[in-house]
PDB file of all heavy atoms in Angstrom:
ATOM      1  N   TYR A   1       0.828  -1.206   0.000  1.00  0.00           N
ATOM      2  CA  TYR A   1       0.000   0.000   0.000  1.00  0.00           C
ATOM      3  C   TYR A   1       0.867   1.263   0.000  1.00  0.00           C
ATOM      4  O   TYR A   1       2.093   1.198   0.076  1.00  0.00           O
ATOM      5  CB  TYR A   1      -0.935  -0.003   1.215  1.00  0.00           C
ATOM      6  CG  TYR A   1      -1.970  -1.086   1.155  1.00  0.00           C
ATOM      7  CD1 TYR A   1      -1.851  -2.235   1.951  1.00  0.00           C
ATOM      8  CD2 TYR A   1      -3.069  -0.986   0.306  1.00  0.00           C
ATOM      9  CE1 TYR A   1      -2.804  -3.240   1.893  1.00  0.00           C
ATOM     10  CE2 TYR A   1      -4.021  -1.990   0.237  1.00  0.00           C
ATOM     11  CZ  TYR A   1      -3.883  -3.116   1.035  1.00  0.00           C
ATOM     12  OH  TYR A   1      -4.828  -4.116   0.972  1.00  0.00           O
ATOM     13  N   THR A   2       0.193   2.421  -0.065  1.00  0.00           N
ATOM     14  CA  THR A   2       0.885   3.710  -0.129  1.00  0.00           C
ATOM     15  C   THR A   2       0.668   4.498   1.147  1.00  0.00           C
ATOM     16  O   THR A   2      -0.465   4.676   1.594  1.00  0.00           O
ATOM     17  CB  THR A   2       0.384   4.539  -1.327  1.00  0.00           C
ATOM     18  OG1 THR A   2       0.644   3.821  -2.546  1.00  0.00           O
ATOM     19  CG2 THR A   2       1.084   5.898  -1.384  1.00  0.00           C
ATOM     20  N   TRP A   3       1.776   4.959   1.709  1.00  0.00           N
ATOM     21  CA  TRP A   3       1.756   5.827   2.896  1.00  0.00           C
ATOM     22  C   TRP A   3       1.988   7.249   2.405  1.00  0.00           C
ATOM     23  O   TRP A   3       3.032   7.565   1.858  1.00  0.00           O
ATOM     24  CB  TRP A   3       2.865   5.405   3.854  1.00  0.00           C
ATOM     25  CG  TRP A   3       2.937   6.160   5.149  1.00  0.00           C
ATOM     26  CD1 TRP A   3       3.171   7.493   5.318  1.00  0.00           C
ATOM     27  CD2 TRP A   3       2.814   5.604   6.468  1.00  0.00           C
ATOM     28  NE1 TRP A   3       3.186   7.814   6.648  1.00  0.00           N
ATOM     29  CE2 TRP A   3       2.975   6.680   7.387  1.00  0.00           C
ATOM     30  CE3 TRP A   3       2.596   4.328   6.961  1.00  0.00           C
ATOM     31  CZ2 TRP A   3       2.926   6.483   8.765  1.00  0.00           C
ATOM     32  CZ3 TRP A   3       2.532   4.139   8.329  1.00  0.00           C
ATOM     33  CH2 TRP A   3       2.702   5.201   9.217  1.00  0.00           C
ATOM     34  N   THR A   4       1.003   8.132   2.576  1.00  0.00           N
ATOM     35  CA  THR A   4       1.100   9.515   2.116  1.00  0.00           C
ATOM     36  C   THR A   4       1.205  10.446   3.310  1.00  0.00           C
ATOM     37  O   THR A   4       0.333  10.431   4.189  1.00  0.00           O
ATOM     38  CB  THR A   4      -0.117   9.899   1.264  1.00  0.00           C
ATOM     39  OG1 THR A   4      -0.211   9.017   0.135  1.00  0.00           O
ATOM     40  CG2 THR A   4       0.007  11.332   0.761  1.00  0.00           C
ATOM     41  N   CYS A   5       2.263  11.248   3.332  1.00  0.00           N
ATOM     42  CA  CYS A   5       2.457  12.222   4.405  1.00  0.00           C
ATOM     43  C   CYS A   5       2.217  13.620   3.848  1.00  0.00           C
ATOM     44  O   CYS A   5       2.873  14.031   2.883  1.00  0.00           O
ATOM     45  CB  CYS A   5       3.870  12.118   4.978  1.00  0.00           C
ATOM     46  SG  CYS A   5       4.222  13.334   6.268  1.00  0.00           S
ATOM     47  N   THR A   6       1.296  14.353   4.452  1.00  0.00           N
ATOM     48  CA  THR A   6       0.919  15.677   3.954  1.00  0.00           C
ATOM     49  C   THR A   6       1.395  16.793   4.873  1.00  0.00           C
ATOM     50  O   THR A   6       0.912  17.915   4.794  1.00  0.00           O
ATOM     51  CB  THR A   6      -0.604  15.775   3.802  1.00  0.00           C
ATOM     52  OG1 THR A   6      -1.212  15.544   5.084  1.00  0.00           O
ATOM     53  CG2 THR A   6      -1.124  14.752   2.799  1.00  0.00           C
ATOM     54  N   GLY A   7       2.357  16.500   5.767  1.00  0.00           N
ATOM     55  CA  GLY A   7       2.846  17.497   6.706  1.00  0.00           C
ATOM     56  C   GLY A   7       3.501  18.673   6.011  1.00  0.00           C
ATOM     57  O   GLY A   7       3.965  18.573   4.869  1.00  0.00           O
ATOM     58  N   THR A   8       3.568  19.809   6.707  1.00  0.00           N
ATOM     59  CA  THR A   8       4.110  21.040   6.111  1.00  0.00           C
ATOM     60  C   THR A   8       5.359  21.547   6.814  1.00  0.00           C
ATOM     61  O   THR A   8       5.893  22.589   6.436  1.00  0.00           O
ATOM     62  CB  THR A   8       3.041  22.151   6.140  1.00  0.00           C
ATOM     63  OG1 THR A   8       2.615  22.366   7.495  1.00  0.00           O
ATOM     64  CG2 THR A   8       1.832  21.763   5.294  1.00  0.00           C
ATOM     65  N   ASP A   9       5.845  20.835   7.833  1.00  0.00           N
ATOM     66  CA  ASP A   9       7.041  21.250   8.556  1.00  0.00           C
ATOM     67  C   ASP A   9       8.279  20.815   7.789  1.00  0.00           C
ATOM     68  O   ASP A   9       8.559  19.626   7.645  1.00  0.00           O
ATOM     69  CB  ASP A   9       7.043  20.631   9.953  1.00  0.00           C
ATOM     70  CG  ASP A   9       8.227  21.100  10.798  1.00  0.00           C
ATOM     71  OD1 ASP A   9       9.062  21.873  10.276  1.00  0.00           O
ATOM     72  OD2 ASP A   9       8.312  20.687  11.970  1.00  0.00           O
ATOM     73  N   ALA A  10       9.038  21.793   7.290  1.00  0.00           N
ATOM     74  CA  ALA A  10      10.221  21.484   6.473  1.00  0.00           C
ATOM     75  C   ALA A  10      11.313  20.796   7.278  1.00  0.00           C
ATOM     76  O   ALA A  10      12.231  20.203   6.696  1.00  0.00           O
ATOM     77  CB  ALA A  10      10.777  22.767   5.854  1.00  0.00           C
ATOM     78  N   ASN A  11      11.249  20.863   8.603  1.00  0.00           N
ATOM     79  CA  ASN A  11      12.260  20.255   9.458  1.00  0.00           C
ATOM     80  C   ASN A  11      11.827  18.909  10.017  1.00  0.00           C
ATOM     81  O   ASN A  11      12.432  18.391  10.951  1.00  0.00           O
ATOM     82  CB  ASN A  11      12.606  21.198  10.614  1.00  0.00           C
ATOM     83  CG  ASN A  11      13.204  22.504  10.141  1.00  0.00           C
ATOM     84  OD1 ASN A  11      14.110  22.506   9.311  1.00  0.00           O
ATOM     85  ND2 ASN A  11      12.691  23.618  10.654  1.00  0.00           N
ATOM     86  N   SER A  12      10.787  18.338   9.444  1.00  0.00           N
ATOM     87  CA  SER A  12      10.279  17.058   9.924  1.00  0.00           C
ATOM     88  C   SER A  12      10.153  16.094   8.758  1.00  0.00           C
ATOM     89  O   SER A  12      10.421  16.439   7.604  1.00  0.00           O
ATOM     90  CB  SER A  12       8.937  17.250  10.629  1.00  0.00           C
ATOM     91  OG  SER A  12       8.585  16.093  11.342  1.00  0.00           O
ATOM     92  N   ALA A  13       9.765  14.859   9.051  1.00  0.00           N
ATOM     93  CA  ALA A  13       9.753  13.815   8.031  1.00  0.00           C
ATOM     94  C   ALA A  13       8.572  12.886   8.227  1.00  0.00           C
ATOM     95  O   ALA A  13       7.918  12.877   9.281  1.00  0.00           O
ATOM     96  CB  ALA A  13      11.054  13.020   8.083  1.00  0.00           C
ATOM     97  N   ALA A  14       8.310  12.093   7.203  1.00  0.00           N
ATOM     98  CA  ALA A  14       7.270  11.075   7.321  1.00  0.00           C
ATOM     99  C   ALA A  14       7.644  10.051   8.385  1.00  0.00           C
ATOM    100  O   ALA A  14       6.806   9.614   9.172  1.00  0.00           O
ATOM    101  CB  ALA A  14       7.059  10.388   5.970  1.00  0.00           C
ATOM    102  N   PHE A  15       8.946   9.672   8.426  1.00  0.00           N
ATOM    103  CA  PHE A  15       9.435   8.690   9.396  1.00  0.00           C
ATOM    104  C   PHE A  15      10.671   9.247  10.088  1.00  0.00           C
ATOM    105  O   PHE A  15      11.609   9.699   9.426  1.00  0.00           O
ATOM    106  CB  PHE A  15       9.766   7.364   8.700  1.00  0.00           C
ATOM    107  CG  PHE A  15       8.581   6.722   8.040  1.00  0.00           C
ATOM    108  CD1 PHE A  15       8.316   6.943   6.692  1.00  0.00           C
ATOM    109  CD2 PHE A  15       7.716   5.913   8.765  1.00  0.00           C
ATOM    110  CE1 PHE A  15       7.225   6.366   6.082  1.00  0.00           C
ATOM    111  CE2 PHE A  15       6.614   5.336   8.164  1.00  0.00           C
ATOM    112  CZ  PHE A  15       6.362   5.560   6.815  1.00  0.00           C
ATOM    113  N   GLU A  16      10.672   9.218  11.425  1.00  0.00           N
ATOM    114  CA  GLU A  16      11.769   9.826  12.180  1.00  0.00           C
ATOM    115  C   GLU A  16      12.240   8.934  13.321  1.00  0.00           C
ATOM    116  O   GLU A  16      11.442   8.245  13.954  1.00  0.00           O
ATOM    117  CB  GLU A  16      11.332  11.169  12.789  1.00  0.00           C
ATOM    118  CG  GLU A  16      11.216  12.300  11.814  1.00  0.00           C
ATOM    119  CD  GLU A  16      10.996  13.642  12.517  1.00  0.00           C
ATOM    120  OE1 GLU A  16      11.280  13.724  13.744  1.00  0.00           O
ATOM    121  OE2 GLU A  16      10.544  14.584  11.850  1.00  0.00           O
ATOM    122  N   ILE A  17      13.539   8.983  13.579  1.00  0.00           N
ATOM    123  CA  ILE A  17      14.106   8.457  14.811  1.00  0.00           C
ATOM    124  C   ILE A  17      13.941   9.527  15.891  1.00  0.00           C
ATOM    125  O   ILE A  17      14.221  10.699  15.645  1.00  0.00           O
ATOM    126  CB  ILE A  17      15.597   8.119  14.633  1.00  0.00           C
ATOM    127  CG1 ILE A  17      15.781   7.013  13.582  1.00  0.00           C
ATOM    128  CG2 ILE A  17      16.229   7.743  15.966  1.00  0.00           C
ATOM    129  CD1 ILE A  17      15.266   5.655  14.005  1.00  0.00           C
ATOM    130  N   ASN A  18      13.500   9.137  17.076  1.00  0.00           N
ATOM    131  CA  ASN A  18      13.379  10.130  18.155  1.00  0.00           C
ATOM    132  C   ASN A  18      13.960   9.632  19.478  1.00  0.00           C
ATOM    133  O   ASN A  18      13.648  10.172  20.536  1.00  0.00           O
ATOM    134  CB  ASN A  18      11.929  10.580  18.337  1.00  0.00           C
ATOM    135  CG  ASN A  18      11.021   9.473  18.835  1.00  0.00           C
ATOM    136  OD1 ASN A  18      11.270   8.301  18.584  1.00  0.00           O
ATOM    137  ND2 ASN A  18       9.957   9.837  19.529  1.00  0.00           N
ATOM    138  N   TYR A  19      14.825   8.604  19.400  1.00  0.00           N
ATOM    139  CA  TYR A  19      15.561   8.130  20.571  1.00  0.00           C
ATOM    140  C   TYR A  19      16.933   7.627  20.113  1.00  0.00           C
ATOM    141  O   TYR A  19      17.078   7.196  18.959  1.00  0.00           O
ATOM    142  CB  TYR A  19      14.827   6.976  21.271  1.00  0.00           C
ATOM    143  CG  TYR A  19      13.753   7.421  22.225  1.00  0.00           C
ATOM    144  CD1 TYR A  19      12.454   7.632  21.768  1.00  0.00           C
ATOM    145  CD2 TYR A  19      14.020   7.628  23.567  1.00  0.00           C
ATOM    146  CE1 TYR A  19      11.449   8.036  22.638  1.00  0.00           C
ATOM    147  CE2 TYR A  19      13.028   8.039  24.448  1.00  0.00           C
ATOM    148  CZ  TYR A  19      11.745   8.238  23.975  1.00  0.00           C
ATOM    149  OH  TYR A  19      10.758   8.653  24.835  1.00  0.00           O
ATOM    150  N   PRO A  20      17.948   7.649  20.981  1.00  0.00           N
ATOM    151  CA  PRO A  20      19.216   7.000  20.646  1.00  0.00           C
ATOM    152  C   PRO A  20      19.058   5.479  20.699  1.00  0.00           C
ATOM    153  O   PRO A  20      18.122   4.954  21.306  1.00  0.00           O
ATOM    154  CB  PRO A  20      20.167   7.498  21.744  1.00  0.00           C
ATOM    155  CG  PRO A  20      19.267   7.810  22.898  1.00  0.00           C
ATOM    156  CD  PRO A  20      17.982   8.302  22.300  1.00  0.00           C
ATOM    157  N   ASP A  21      19.969   4.775  20.031  1.00  0.00           N
ATOM    158  CA  ASP A  21      19.980   3.307  20.031  1.00  0.00           C
ATOM    159  C   ASP A  21      18.654   2.731  19.524  1.00  0.00           C
ATOM    160  O   ASP A  21      18.205   1.677  19.989  1.00  0.00           O
ATOM    161  CB  ASP A  21      20.272   2.772  21.436  1.00  0.00           C
ATOM    162  CG  ASP A  21      21.548   3.342  22.019  1.00  0.00           C
ATOM    163  OD1 ASP A  21      22.627   3.143  21.396  1.00  0.00           O
ATOM    164  OD2 ASP A  21      21.481   4.005  23.069  1.00  0.00           O
ATOM    165  N   ALA A  22      18.033   3.434  18.597  1.00  0.00           N
ATOM    166  CA  ALA A  22      16.731   3.017  18.075  1.00  0.00           C
ATOM    167  C   ALA A  22      16.856   2.568  16.628  1.00  0.00           C
ATOM    168  O   ALA A  22      17.822   2.894  15.935  1.00  0.00           O
ATOM    169  CB  ALA A  22      15.727   4.161  18.184  1.00  0.00           C
ATOM    170  N   SER A  23      15.849   1.817  16.167  1.00  0.00           N
ATOM    171  CA  SER A  23      15.809   1.426  14.756  1.00  0.00           C
ATOM    172  C   SER A  23      14.376   1.478  14.258  1.00  0.00           C
ATOM    173  O   SER A  23      13.441   1.141  14.980  1.00  0.00           O
ATOM    174  CB  SER A  23      16.376   0.019  14.561  1.00  0.00           C
ATOM    175  OG  SER A  23      15.533  -0.955  15.143  1.00  0.00           O
ATOM    176  N   LEU A  24      14.248   1.932  13.019  1.00  0.00           N
ATOM    177  CA  LEU A  24      12.943   2.016  12.370  1.00  0.00           C
ATOM    178  C   LEU A  24      13.088   1.525  10.947  1.00  0.00           C
ATOM    179  O   LEU A  24      13.893   2.057  10.173  1.00  0.00           O
ATOM    180  CB  LEU A  24      12.431   3.464  12.386  1.00  0.00           C
ATOM    181  CG  LEU A  24      11.153   3.774  11.595  1.00  0.00           C
ATOM    182  CD1 LEU A  24      10.003   2.905  12.053  1.00  0.00           C
ATOM    183  CD2 LEU A  24      10.793   5.252  11.729  1.00  0.00           C
ATOM    184  N   THR A  25      12.342   0.484  10.606  1.00  0.00           N
ATOM    185  CA  THR A  25      12.374  -0.103   9.267  1.00  0.00           C
ATOM    186  C   THR A  25      11.015   0.040   8.609  1.00  0.00           C
ATOM    187  O   THR A  25       9.983  -0.291   9.212  1.00  0.00           O
ATOM    188  CB  THR A  25      12.745  -1.594   9.328  1.00  0.00           C
ATOM    189  OG1 THR A  25      14.054  -1.736   9.882  1.00  0.00           O
ATOM    190  CG2 THR A  25      12.721  -2.220   7.942  1.00  0.00           C
ATOM    191  N   VAL A  26      11.004   0.551   7.373  1.00  0.00           N
ATOM    192  CA  VAL A  26       9.796   0.667   6.566  1.00  0.00           C
ATOM    193  C   VAL A  26      10.015  -0.173   5.314  1.00  0.00           C
ATOM    194  O   VAL A  26      11.045  -0.029   4.646  1.00  0.00           O
ATOM    195  CB  VAL A  26       9.513   2.135   6.192  1.00  0.00           C
ATOM    196  CG1 VAL A  26       8.221   2.242   5.398  1.00  0.00           C
ATOM    197  CG2 VAL A  26       9.447   3.013   7.438  1.00  0.00           C
ATOM    198  N   LYS A  27       9.051  -1.043   4.966  1.00  0.00           N
ATOM    199  CA  LYS A  27       9.304  -1.954   3.854  1.00  0.00           C
ATOM    200  C   LYS A  27       8.035  -2.243   3.046  1.00  0.00           C
ATOM    201  O   LYS A  27       6.908  -2.039   3.503  1.00  0.00           O
ATOM    202  CB  LYS A  27       9.893  -3.264   4.362  1.00  0.00           C
ATOM    203  CG  LYS A  27       8.994  -4.061   5.291  1.00  0.00           C
ATOM    204  CD  LYS A  27       9.695  -5.328   5.777  1.00  0.00           C
ATOM    205  CE  LYS A  27       8.782  -6.199   6.623  1.00  0.00           C
ATOM    206  NZ  LYS A  27       9.459  -7.444   7.059  1.00  0.00           N
ATOM    207  N   ASN A  28       8.273  -2.672   1.793  1.00  0.00           N
ATOM    208  CA  ASN A  28       7.252  -3.277   0.932  1.00  0.00           C
ATOM    209  C   ASN A  28       6.084  -2.365   0.565  1.00  0.00           C
ATOM    210  O   ASN A  28       4.924  -2.655   0.838  1.00  0.00           O
ATOM    211  CB  ASN A  28       6.681  -4.557   1.577  1.00  0.00           C
ATOM    212  CG  ASN A  28       7.740  -5.566   1.909  1.00  0.00           C
ATOM    213  OD1 ASN A  28       8.770  -5.640   1.237  1.00  0.00           O
ATOM    214  ND2 ASN A  28       7.519  -6.356   2.955  1.00  0.00           N
ATOM    215  N   GLY A  29       6.388  -1.218  -0.055  1.00  0.00           N
ATOM    216  CA  GLY A  29       5.304  -0.361  -0.505  1.00  0.00           C
ATOM    217  C   GLY A  29       5.802   0.978  -0.986  1.00  0.00           C
ATOM    218  O   GLY A  29       6.977   1.136  -1.337  1.00  0.00           O
ATOM    219  N   LYS A  30       4.905   1.972  -1.018  1.00  0.00           N
ATOM    220  CA  LYS A  30       5.243   3.311  -1.498  1.00  0.00           C
ATOM    221  C   LYS A  30       5.102   4.330  -0.372  1.00  0.00           C
ATOM    222  O   LYS A  30       4.226   4.206   0.481  1.00  0.00           O
ATOM    223  CB  LYS A  30       4.331   3.716  -2.667  1.00  0.00           C
ATOM    224  CG  LYS A  30       4.529   2.926  -3.942  1.00  0.00           C
ATOM    225  CD  LYS A  30       3.638   3.472  -5.052  1.00  0.00           C
ATOM    226  CE  LYS A  30       3.871   2.726  -6.358  1.00  0.00           C
ATOM    227  NZ  LYS A  30       3.022   3.261  -7.458  1.00  0.00           N
ATOM    228  N   VAL A  31       5.970   5.340  -0.426  1.00  0.00           N
ATOM    229  CA  VAL A  31       5.879   6.474   0.484  1.00  0.00           C
ATOM    230  C   VAL A  31       5.880   7.742  -0.364  1.00  0.00           C
ATOM    231  O   VAL A  31       6.790   7.947  -1.177  1.00  0.00           O
ATOM    232  CB  VAL A  31       7.047   6.522   1.481  1.00  0.00           C
ATOM    233  CG1 VAL A  31       6.937   7.765   2.363  1.00  0.00           C
ATOM    234  CG2 VAL A  31       7.077   5.261   2.342  1.00  0.00           C
ATOM    235  N   VAL A  32       4.866   8.564  -0.181  1.00  0.00           N
ATOM    236  CA  VAL A  32       4.765   9.841  -0.884  1.00  0.00           C
ATOM    237  C   VAL A  32       4.674  10.922   0.180  1.00  0.00           C
ATOM    238  O   VAL A  32       3.782  10.894   1.030  1.00  0.00           O
ATOM    239  CB  VAL A  32       3.528   9.892  -1.802  1.00  0.00           C
ATOM    240  CG1 VAL A  32       3.432  11.247  -2.484  1.00  0.00           C
ATOM    241  CG2 VAL A  32       3.580   8.766  -2.827  1.00  0.00           C
ATOM    242  N   SER A  33       5.603  11.890   0.150  1.00  0.00           N
ATOM    243  CA  SER A  33       5.666  12.855   1.237  1.00  0.00           C
ATOM    244  C   SER A  33       5.887  14.273   0.727  1.00  0.00           C
ATOM    245  O   SER A  33       6.614  14.492  -0.238  1.00  0.00           O
ATOM    246  CB  SER A  33       6.791  12.482   2.211  1.00  0.00           C
ATOM    247  OG  SER A  33       6.848  13.396   3.288  1.00  0.00           O
ATOM    248  N   SER A  34       5.265  15.227   1.420  1.00  0.00           N
ATOM    249  CA  SER A  34       5.541  16.638   1.169  1.00  0.00           C
ATOM    250  C   SER A  34       6.647  17.136   2.093  1.00  0.00           C
ATOM    251  O   SER A  34       7.126  18.262   1.937  1.00  0.00           O
ATOM    252  CB  SER A  34       4.266  17.468   1.392  1.00  0.00           C
ATOM    253  OG  SER A  34       3.724  17.217   2.675  1.00  0.00           O
ATOM    254  N   GLN A  35       7.031  16.319   3.065  1.00  0.00           N
ATOM    255  CA  GLN A  35       8.168  16.592   3.941  1.00  0.00           C
ATOM    256  C   GLN A  35       9.323  15.671   3.540  1.00  0.00           C
ATOM    257  O   GLN A  35       9.277  15.016   2.504  1.00  0.00           O
ATOM    258  CB  GLN A  35       7.790  16.321   5.399  1.00  0.00           C
ATOM    259  CG  GLN A  35       6.647  17.172   5.924  1.00  0.00           C
ATOM    260  CD  GLN A  35       6.243  16.753   7.318  1.00  0.00           C
ATOM    261  OE1 GLN A  35       5.832  15.623   7.543  1.00  0.00           O
ATOM    262  NE2 GLN A  35       6.361  17.664   8.271  1.00  0.00           N
ATOM    263  N   LEU A  36      10.357  15.621   4.376  1.00  0.00           N
ATOM    264  CA  LEU A  36      11.391  14.612   4.197  1.00  0.00           C
ATOM    265  C   LEU A  36      10.770  13.226   4.262  1.00  0.00           C
ATOM    266  O   LEU A  36       9.726  13.024   4.884  1.00  0.00           O
ATOM    267  CB  LEU A  36      12.454  14.738   5.298  1.00  0.00           C
ATOM    268  CG  LEU A  36      13.166  16.087   5.464  1.00  0.00           C
ATOM    269  CD1 LEU A  36      14.067  16.044   6.698  1.00  0.00           C
ATOM    270  CD2 LEU A  36      13.950  16.435   4.227  1.00  0.00           C
ATOM    271  N   ILE A  37      11.428  12.255   3.641  1.00  0.00           N
ATOM    272  CA  ILE A  37      10.993  10.872   3.775  1.00  0.00           C
ATOM    273  C   ILE A  37      11.425  10.321   5.128  1.00  0.00           C
ATOM    274  O   ILE A  37      10.651   9.702   5.851  1.00  0.00           O
ATOM    275  CB  ILE A  37      11.567  10.007   2.639  1.00  0.00           C
ATOM    276  CG1 ILE A  37      11.051  10.495   1.279  1.00  0.00           C
ATOM    277  CG2 ILE A  37      11.226   8.536   2.851  1.00  0.00           C
ATOM    278  CD1 ILE A  37       9.569  10.333   1.088  1.00  0.00           C
ATOM    279  N   GLY A  38      12.715  10.526   5.461  1.00  0.00           N
ATOM    280  CA  GLY A  38      13.243  10.011   6.712  1.00  0.00           C
ATOM    281  C   GLY A  38      14.184  11.010   7.368  1.00  0.00           C
ATOM    282  O   GLY A  38      14.824  11.822   6.694  1.00  0.00           O
ATOM    283  N   LEU A  39      14.294  10.937   8.706  1.00  0.00           N
ATOM    284  CA  LEU A  39      15.120  11.888   9.434  1.00  0.00           C
ATOM    285  C   LEU A  39      15.639  11.262  10.726  1.00  0.00           C
ATOM    286  O   LEU A  39      14.880  10.628  11.464  1.00  0.00           O
ATOM    287  CB  LEU A  39      14.299  13.140   9.771  1.00  0.00           C
ATOM    288  CG  LEU A  39      14.972  14.225  10.615  1.00  0.00           C
ATOM    289  CD1 LEU A  39      16.173  14.821   9.885  1.00  0.00           C
ATOM    290  CD2 LEU A  39      13.971  15.326  10.974  1.00  0.00           C
ATOM    291  N   ILE A  40      16.961  11.428  10.970  1.00  0.00           N
ATOM    292  CA  ILE A  40      17.541  11.151  12.287  1.00  0.00           C
ATOM    293  C   ILE A  40      18.046  12.488  12.807  1.00  0.00           C
ATOM    294  O   ILE A  40      19.163  12.913  12.496  1.00  0.00           O
ATOM    295  CB  ILE A  40      18.689  10.128  12.217  1.00  0.00           C
ATOM    296  CG1 ILE A  40      18.247   8.855  11.495  1.00  0.00           C
ATOM    297  CG2 ILE A  40      19.168   9.792  13.637  1.00  0.00           C
ATOM    298  CD1 ILE A  40      19.334   7.800  11.370  1.00  0.00           C
ATOM    299  N   PRO A  41      17.248  13.192  13.597  1.00  0.00           N
ATOM    300  CA  PRO A  41      17.620  14.535  14.057  1.00  0.00           C
ATOM    301  C   PRO A  41      18.379  14.452  15.372  1.00  0.00           C
ATOM    302  O   PRO A  41      18.751  13.369  15.838  1.00  0.00           O
ATOM    303  CB  PRO A  41      16.263  15.189  14.261  1.00  0.00           C
ATOM    304  CG  PRO A  41      15.402  14.053  14.747  1.00  0.00           C
ATOM    305  CD  PRO A  41      15.902  12.810  14.042  1.00  0.00           C
ATOM    306  N   SER A  42      18.626  15.581  15.980  1.00  0.00           N
ATOM    307  CA  SER A  42      18.976  15.646  17.393  1.00  0.00           C
ATOM    308  C   SER A  42      17.983  16.594  18.026  1.00  0.00           C
ATOM    309  O   SER A  42      17.301  17.351  17.331  1.00  0.00           O
ATOM    310  CB  SER A  42      20.418  16.125  17.596  1.00  0.00           C
ATOM    311  OG  SER A  42      20.582  17.430  17.064  1.00  0.00           O
ATOM    312  N   ALA A  43      17.882  16.536  19.344  1.00  0.00           N
ATOM    313  CA  ALA A  43      16.902  17.378  20.018  1.00  0.00           C
ATOM    314  C   ALA A  43      17.249  18.840  19.836  1.00  0.00           C
ATOM    315  O   ALA A  43      18.380  19.195  19.482  1.00  0.00           O
ATOM    316  CB  ALA A  43      16.834  17.026  21.493  1.00  0.00           C
ATOM    317  N   SER A  44      16.275  19.696  20.088  1.00  0.00           N
ATOM    318  CA  SER A  44      16.445  21.129  19.878  1.00  0.00           C
ATOM    319  C   SER A  44      17.697  21.645  20.582  1.00  0.00           C
ATOM    320  O   SER A  44      17.919  21.386  21.760  1.00  0.00           O
ATOM    321  CB  SER A  44      15.211  21.868  20.414  1.00  0.00           C
ATOM    322  OG  SER A  44      15.347  23.254  20.238  1.00  0.00           O
TER     323      SER A  44
END
């Protein structure tokens, strides 16, 4: 299936890491985003 992200924050993403020592896997489909697709940020 298709995951569509319609967010408007240029500093954010459809999929984000928000903890250290974490992992996030997205598989087998489509991602359509108006933001970043993926992001590993640091806190403010």
